[in-house]
Amino acid sequence: MSNLTAISDEQVEILIGDVLEQYGYDFTGYSRASLKRRLLRLYGLDRQVSFAEFRYKIGNDITYFKRFVEQITVNVTEMFRDPNFYKTLRSKVLPNLGTYPFIRIWLAGCSTGEEAYSMAIVLKELGLLHKALIYATDINPTVLEKAAQGMFPLSQMKQYSENYIASGGTNEFSSYYSANYSLAKFDDELKEKMIFSTHNLVSDHSFNEFQLILCRNVLIYFDRDLQFKVLQLFDNSLDNLGYLALGTKETTDFSPISKRYKRLETEKIWRKISE
């Protein structure tokens, strides 16, 4: 049997039900096409013999279940990704928030943490890091462990440095990390202002009031109802006049919260204009 037919639509539903019942991870609102693609990829990578064996392993081997979560949730990120977005944060969003006595920022779906360290660097350069706190959350505990270490492959620093310069960075990018064999270890000063925690956008509630929420390139993997549910969660978590930043293919348009938000001119950033 080829991998393309190794898992049926019905079997995808069975797995989603198993995982929800046994582990409390709710994938029911995920786009089925995207979910099936990633399940098939994992099935092929691990050379599963049958769906029954695959299902048994996910349900009975906690180490394999962690691998399952790691492969099913999307972890594609880089530092200063979309430099113009960071340029807008630097010039229009964070200076406004700089007038607040304290700035709470939520990075939802932070993956391995590149976005958190990018944010901390911008805050430091604007003189705001001392009065900010970055809550970086993800459904996947494995990637959070990596994020908390603040170490990324040295081979990626050239690209990250170019992104940083294009985003309006004002220092030598290499001043923020030290080379440690094949890894770049970012300064503890940046990490001190971060709290890494598991949070499931599907089932968990609001846990603070924030002035800025970033959730970029996560909603595209959810169906429309779940997108609306998550946007409502962000609305409940955001201060009036706070900012919400989404990915390039994501929007608040047509959602229940859309009338309370005004979009900044160029980037996918909205400001909350009424409760």
Protein backbone atom coordinates (compact mmCIF):
# COMPACT_ATOMS: atom_id res chain seq x y z
CA MET A 1 0.00 0.00 0.00
CA SER A 2 1.46 3.37 -0.95
CA ASN A 3 1.81 6.09 1.65
CA LEU A 4 -0.74 8.22 -0.23
CA THR A 5 -3.45 5.72 0.73
CA ALA A 6 -1.93 4.53 4.01
CA ILE A 7 -4.36 6.56 6.15
CA SER A 8 -7.99 7.15 5.23
CA ASP A 9 -10.10 10.18 6.19
CA GLU A 10 -12.00 7.97 8.62
CA GLN A 11 -8.74 6.88 10.27
CA VAL A 12 -7.67 10.52 10.65
CA GLU A 13 -10.88 11.09 12.64
CA ILE A 14 -10.19 8.00 14.76
CA LEU A 15 -6.70 9.30 15.64
CA ILE A 16 -8.02 12.78 16.48
CA GLY A 17 -10.57 11.17 18.80
CA ASP A 18 -7.94 8.94 20.46
CA VAL A 19 -5.58 11.83 21.11
CA LEU A 20 -8.32 14.05 22.55
CA GLU A 21 -9.68 11.32 24.81
CA GLN A 22 -6.33 10.03 26.04
CA TYR A 23 -4.11 13.11 26.18
CA GLY A 24 -6.48 16.09 26.04
CA TYR A 25 -4.89 17.46 22.86
CA ASP A 26 -7.70 18.80 20.67
CA PHE A 27 -6.97 18.71 16.95
CA THR A 28 -10.66 18.66 15.92
CA GLY A 29 -10.55 22.20 14.53
CA TYR A 30 -7.37 21.71 12.49
CA SER A 31 -7.61 21.79 8.71
CA ARG A 32 -8.06 18.16 7.68
CA ALA A 33 -5.99 18.47 4.51
CA SER A 34 -3.03 19.90 6.44
CA LEU A 35 -3.40 17.37 9.26
CA LYS A 36 -3.61 14.40 6.91
CA ARG A 37 -0.55 15.59 4.99
CA ARG A 38 1.52 15.67 8.17
CA LEU A 39 0.17 12.34 9.42
CA LEU A 40 1.11 10.69 6.12
CA ARG A 41 4.56 12.24 6.30
CA LEU A 42 5.14 10.86 9.82
CA TYR A 43 3.68 7.48 8.83
CA GLY A 44 6.14 7.28 5.93
CA LEU A 45 9.16 8.61 7.84
CA ASP A 46 8.75 6.01 10.57
CA ARG A 47 7.92 3.23 8.12
CA GLN A 48 4.80 2.13 9.89
CA VAL A 49 3.57 -1.30 8.87
CA SER A 50 -0.13 -0.62 9.38
CA PHE A 51 -2.54 2.00 10.67
CA ALA A 52 -3.37 -0.28 13.63
CA GLU A 53 0.28 -0.32 14.70
CA PHE A 54 0.57 3.45 14.18
CA ARG A 55 -2.52 4.04 16.32
CA TYR A 56 -1.31 1.67 19.05
CA LYS A 57 2.08 3.37 19.22
CA ILE A 58 0.58 6.86 19.52
CA GLY A 59 -1.78 5.67 22.25
CA ASN A 60 0.66 3.60 24.31
CA ASP A 61 4.16 5.02 23.86
CA ILE A 62 4.47 8.47 25.49
CA THR A 63 7.84 9.10 23.84
CA TYR A 64 6.34 8.40 20.44
CA PHE A 65 3.32 10.56 21.27
CA LYS A 66 5.70 13.48 21.90
CA ARG A 67 7.20 12.86 18.47
CA PHE A 68 3.68 12.79 17.03
CA VAL A 69 2.88 16.22 18.53
CA GLU A 70 6.21 17.60 17.34
CA GLN A 71 5.54 16.46 13.77
CA ILE A 72 1.85 17.41 13.63
CA THR A 73 2.28 20.93 14.99
CA VAL A 74 4.07 23.27 12.61
CA ASN A 75 7.46 24.60 13.71
CA VAL A 76 8.74 26.73 10.86
CA THR A 77 10.27 29.97 12.10
CA GLU A 78 13.33 32.23 11.89
CA MET A 79 14.65 35.33 13.60
CA PHE A 80 13.30 38.64 12.27
CA ARG A 81 11.13 36.77 9.77
CA ASP A 82 9.43 39.30 7.48
CA PRO A 83 11.80 42.19 8.30
CA ASN A 84 9.24 44.86 7.32
CA PHE A 85 6.93 43.52 10.00
CA TYR A 86 9.63 44.09 12.63
CA LYS A 87 10.34 47.51 11.15
CA THR A 88 6.69 48.43 11.77
CA LEU A 89 6.87 47.07 15.33
CA ARG A 90 10.01 49.12 15.90
CA SER A 91 8.69 52.39 14.45
CA LYS A 92 4.95 52.41 15.14
CA VAL A 93 3.82 49.83 17.67
CA LEU A 94 6.43 49.54 20.43
CA PRO A 95 7.07 53.32 20.77
CA ASN A 96 3.34 53.71 21.55
CA LEU A 97 3.51 50.93 24.11
CA GLY A 98 6.64 52.55 25.55
CA THR A 99 4.37 55.10 27.25
CA TYR A 100 2.90 52.32 29.41
CA PRO A 101 4.42 51.60 32.84
CA PHE A 102 4.74 47.92 31.90
CA ILE A 103 4.40 46.01 28.61
CA ARG A 104 3.07 42.45 28.50
CA ILE A 105 3.54 40.65 25.18
CA TRP A 106 2.13 37.25 24.25
CA LEU A 107 3.79 35.22 21.47
CA ALA A 108 1.25 32.47 20.80
CA GLY A 109 2.64 29.50 18.89
CA CYS A 110 6.23 30.58 19.58
CA SER A 111 7.76 27.30 18.34
CA THR A 112 11.52 27.11 19.04
CA GLY A 113 11.69 30.73 20.23
CA GLU A 114 13.30 32.68 17.39
CA GLU A 115 10.48 35.22 17.48
CA ALA A 116 10.83 35.70 21.24
CA TYR A 117 14.54 36.53 20.98
CA SER A 118 13.87 38.84 18.02
CA MET A 119 11.28 40.69 20.08
CA ALA A 120 13.61 40.98 23.08
CA ILE A 121 16.35 42.46 20.87
CA VAL A 122 14.01 45.12 19.46
CA LEU A 123 12.78 45.98 22.98
CA LYS A 124 16.37 46.30 24.20
CA GLU A 125 17.30 48.63 21.34
CA LEU A 126 14.28 50.82 22.09
CA GLY A 127 15.19 50.95 25.79
CA LEU A 128 12.03 49.06 26.78
CA LEU A 129 13.28 45.59 27.71
CA HIS A 130 13.56 46.45 31.41
CA LYS A 131 9.80 47.09 31.66
CA ALA A 132 8.56 44.33 29.37
CA LEU A 133 7.69 40.68 29.81
CA ILE A 134 7.35 38.24 26.92
CA TYR A 135 5.05 35.26 27.42
CA ALA A 136 6.04 32.70 24.77
CA THR A 137 3.63 29.77 24.50
CA ASP A 138 3.20 26.70 22.34
CA ILE A 139 1.20 23.47 22.42
CA ASN A 140 4.41 21.50 21.92
CA PRO A 141 6.58 21.06 25.08
CA THR A 142 9.55 19.75 23.08
CA VAL A 143 10.01 22.96 21.09
CA LEU A 144 9.57 25.03 24.26
CA GLU A 145 12.52 23.21 25.83
CA LYS A 146 14.63 24.23 22.83
CA ALA A 147 13.34 27.81 23.01
CA ALA A 148 14.25 28.14 26.69
CA GLN A 149 17.87 27.20 25.91
CA GLY A 150 18.30 30.21 23.61
CA MET A 151 20.66 28.31 21.31
CA PHE A 152 20.33 28.18 17.53
CA PRO A 153 22.58 26.78 14.80
CA LEU A 154 25.50 29.08 14.05
CA SER A 155 24.97 28.31 10.36
CA GLN A 156 21.70 30.30 10.47
CA MET A 157 23.23 33.48 11.86
CA LYS A 158 24.15 34.90 8.45
CA GLN A 159 20.50 34.81 7.35
CA TYR A 160 19.28 36.07 10.71
CA SER A 161 21.79 38.92 10.63
CA GLU A 162 20.55 39.95 7.17
CA ASN A 163 16.95 39.85 8.43
CA TYR A 164 17.94 41.90 11.49
CA ILE A 165 19.63 44.62 9.40
CA ALA A 166 16.65 44.75 7.00
CA SER A 167 14.31 45.13 9.99
CA GLY A 168 16.09 48.31 11.14
CA GLY A 169 18.51 46.78 13.65
CA THR A 170 20.95 49.33 15.05
CA ASN A 171 23.75 47.18 16.51
CA GLU A 172 26.07 44.41 15.40
CA PHE A 173 23.81 41.36 15.43
CA SER A 174 26.71 39.21 16.66
CA SER A 175 26.84 41.29 19.86
CA TYR A 176 23.71 39.47 21.08
CA TYR A 177 25.15 35.95 21.11
CA SER A 178 28.32 34.02 21.71
CA ALA A 179 29.53 31.17 19.52
CA ASN A 180 29.45 27.82 21.30
CA TYR A 181 30.86 25.16 18.94
CA SER A 182 28.21 24.87 16.20
CA LEU A 183 25.63 26.87 18.17
CA ALA A 184 24.95 30.54 18.82
CA LYS A 185 23.96 31.09 22.46
CA PHE A 186 21.91 34.23 22.99
CA ASP A 187 22.53 36.48 25.99
CA ASP A 188 20.82 35.60 29.28
CA GLU A 189 19.74 39.24 29.59
CA LEU A 190 17.28 38.63 26.75
CA LYS A 191 16.02 35.35 28.22
CA GLU A 192 15.40 36.89 31.65
CA LYS A 193 12.41 38.76 30.23
CA MET A 194 10.74 35.63 28.80
CA ILE A 195 8.36 33.10 30.29
CA PHE A 196 8.01 29.90 28.24
CA SER A 197 4.87 27.87 28.88
CA THR A 198 2.64 25.29 27.20
CA HIS A 199 -0.70 26.70 26.10
CA ASN A 200 -3.26 25.10 23.83
CA LEU A 201 -5.05 27.75 21.76
CA VAL A 202 -7.86 25.27 21.14
CA SER A 203 -8.79 24.45 24.73
CA ASP A 204 -7.00 26.79 27.17
CA HIS A 205 -8.32 30.13 28.39
CA SER A 206 -6.95 33.65 28.54
CA PHE A 207 -4.29 33.95 31.26
CA ASN A 208 -3.38 37.66 31.38
CA GLU A 209 -4.06 41.09 29.91
CA PHE A 210 -1.65 41.98 27.13
CA GLN A 211 -0.74 45.11 25.23
CA LEU A 212 0.59 43.16 22.23
CA ILE A 213 -0.28 39.67 20.97
CA LEU A 214 1.57 37.99 18.10
CA CYS A 215 0.25 34.79 16.54
CA ARG A 216 1.80 34.55 13.10
CA ASN A 217 1.22 31.69 10.70
CA VAL A 218 -0.72 29.50 13.12
CA LEU A 219 -4.35 30.28 12.23
CA ILE A 220 -3.85 29.16 8.62
CA TYR A 221 -3.75 25.56 9.88
CA PHE A 222 -7.16 25.89 11.61
CA ASP A 223 -10.63 25.70 10.12
CA ARG A 224 -12.77 28.85 10.10
CA ASP A 225 -14.71 28.11 13.31
CA LEU A 226 -11.52 27.49 15.25
CA GLN A 227 -9.92 30.62 13.79
CA PHE A 228 -12.86 32.65 15.09
CA LYS A 229 -12.63 30.97 18.48
CA VAL A 230 -8.92 31.76 18.80
CA LEU A 231 -9.43 35.38 17.65
CA GLN A 232 -12.07 35.72 20.38
CA LEU A 233 -9.53 34.39 22.89
CA PHE A 234 -7.04 37.03 21.76
CA ASP A 235 -9.70 39.74 21.99
CA ASN A 236 -10.46 38.67 25.57
CA SER A 237 -6.73 38.79 26.36
CA LEU A 238 -5.94 42.18 24.80
CA ASP A 239 -6.12 45.59 26.50
CA ASN A 240 -8.12 48.31 24.80
CA LEU A 241 -5.78 50.09 22.33
CA GLY A 242 -3.54 47.01 22.35
CA TYR A 243 -2.17 45.46 19.16
CA LEU A 244 -2.79 42.10 17.49
CA ALA A 245 -0.32 40.80 14.88
CA LEU A 246 -1.12 37.89 12.55
CA GLY A 247 0.67 36.12 9.69
CA THR A 248 0.73 37.29 6.08
CA LYS A 249 -2.20 35.08 5.02
CA GLU A 250 -4.28 35.65 8.15
CA THR A 251 -6.88 38.29 8.96
CA THR A 252 -9.51 39.44 11.45
CA ASP A 253 -11.83 40.25 8.51
CA PHE A 254 -15.26 38.55 8.61
CA SER A 255 -14.62 37.43 12.21
CA PRO A 256 -16.82 38.40 15.18
CA ILE A 257 -14.09 40.73 16.51
CA SER A 258 -13.43 42.62 13.25
CA LYS A 259 -15.47 45.75 14.08
CA ARG A 260 -13.41 46.39 17.20
CA TYR A 261 -10.10 46.51 15.33
CA LYS A 262 -8.44 48.91 12.92
CA ARG A 263 -5.62 47.68 10.71
CA LEU A 264 -2.30 49.51 10.45
CA GLU A 265 -1.59 50.53 6.85
CA THR A 266 0.83 47.94 5.52
CA GLU A 267 1.42 45.03 7.88
CA LYS A 268 -0.96 42.45 9.33
CA ILE A 269 -1.22 44.36 12.61
CA TRP A 270 -4.52 45.55 14.08
CA ARG A 271 -5.20 47.95 16.96
CA LYS A 272 -8.09 47.35 19.30
CA ILE A 273 -10.21 50.50 19.18
CA SER A 274 -13.14 49.51 21.41
CA GLU A 275 -14.08 46.95 24.03
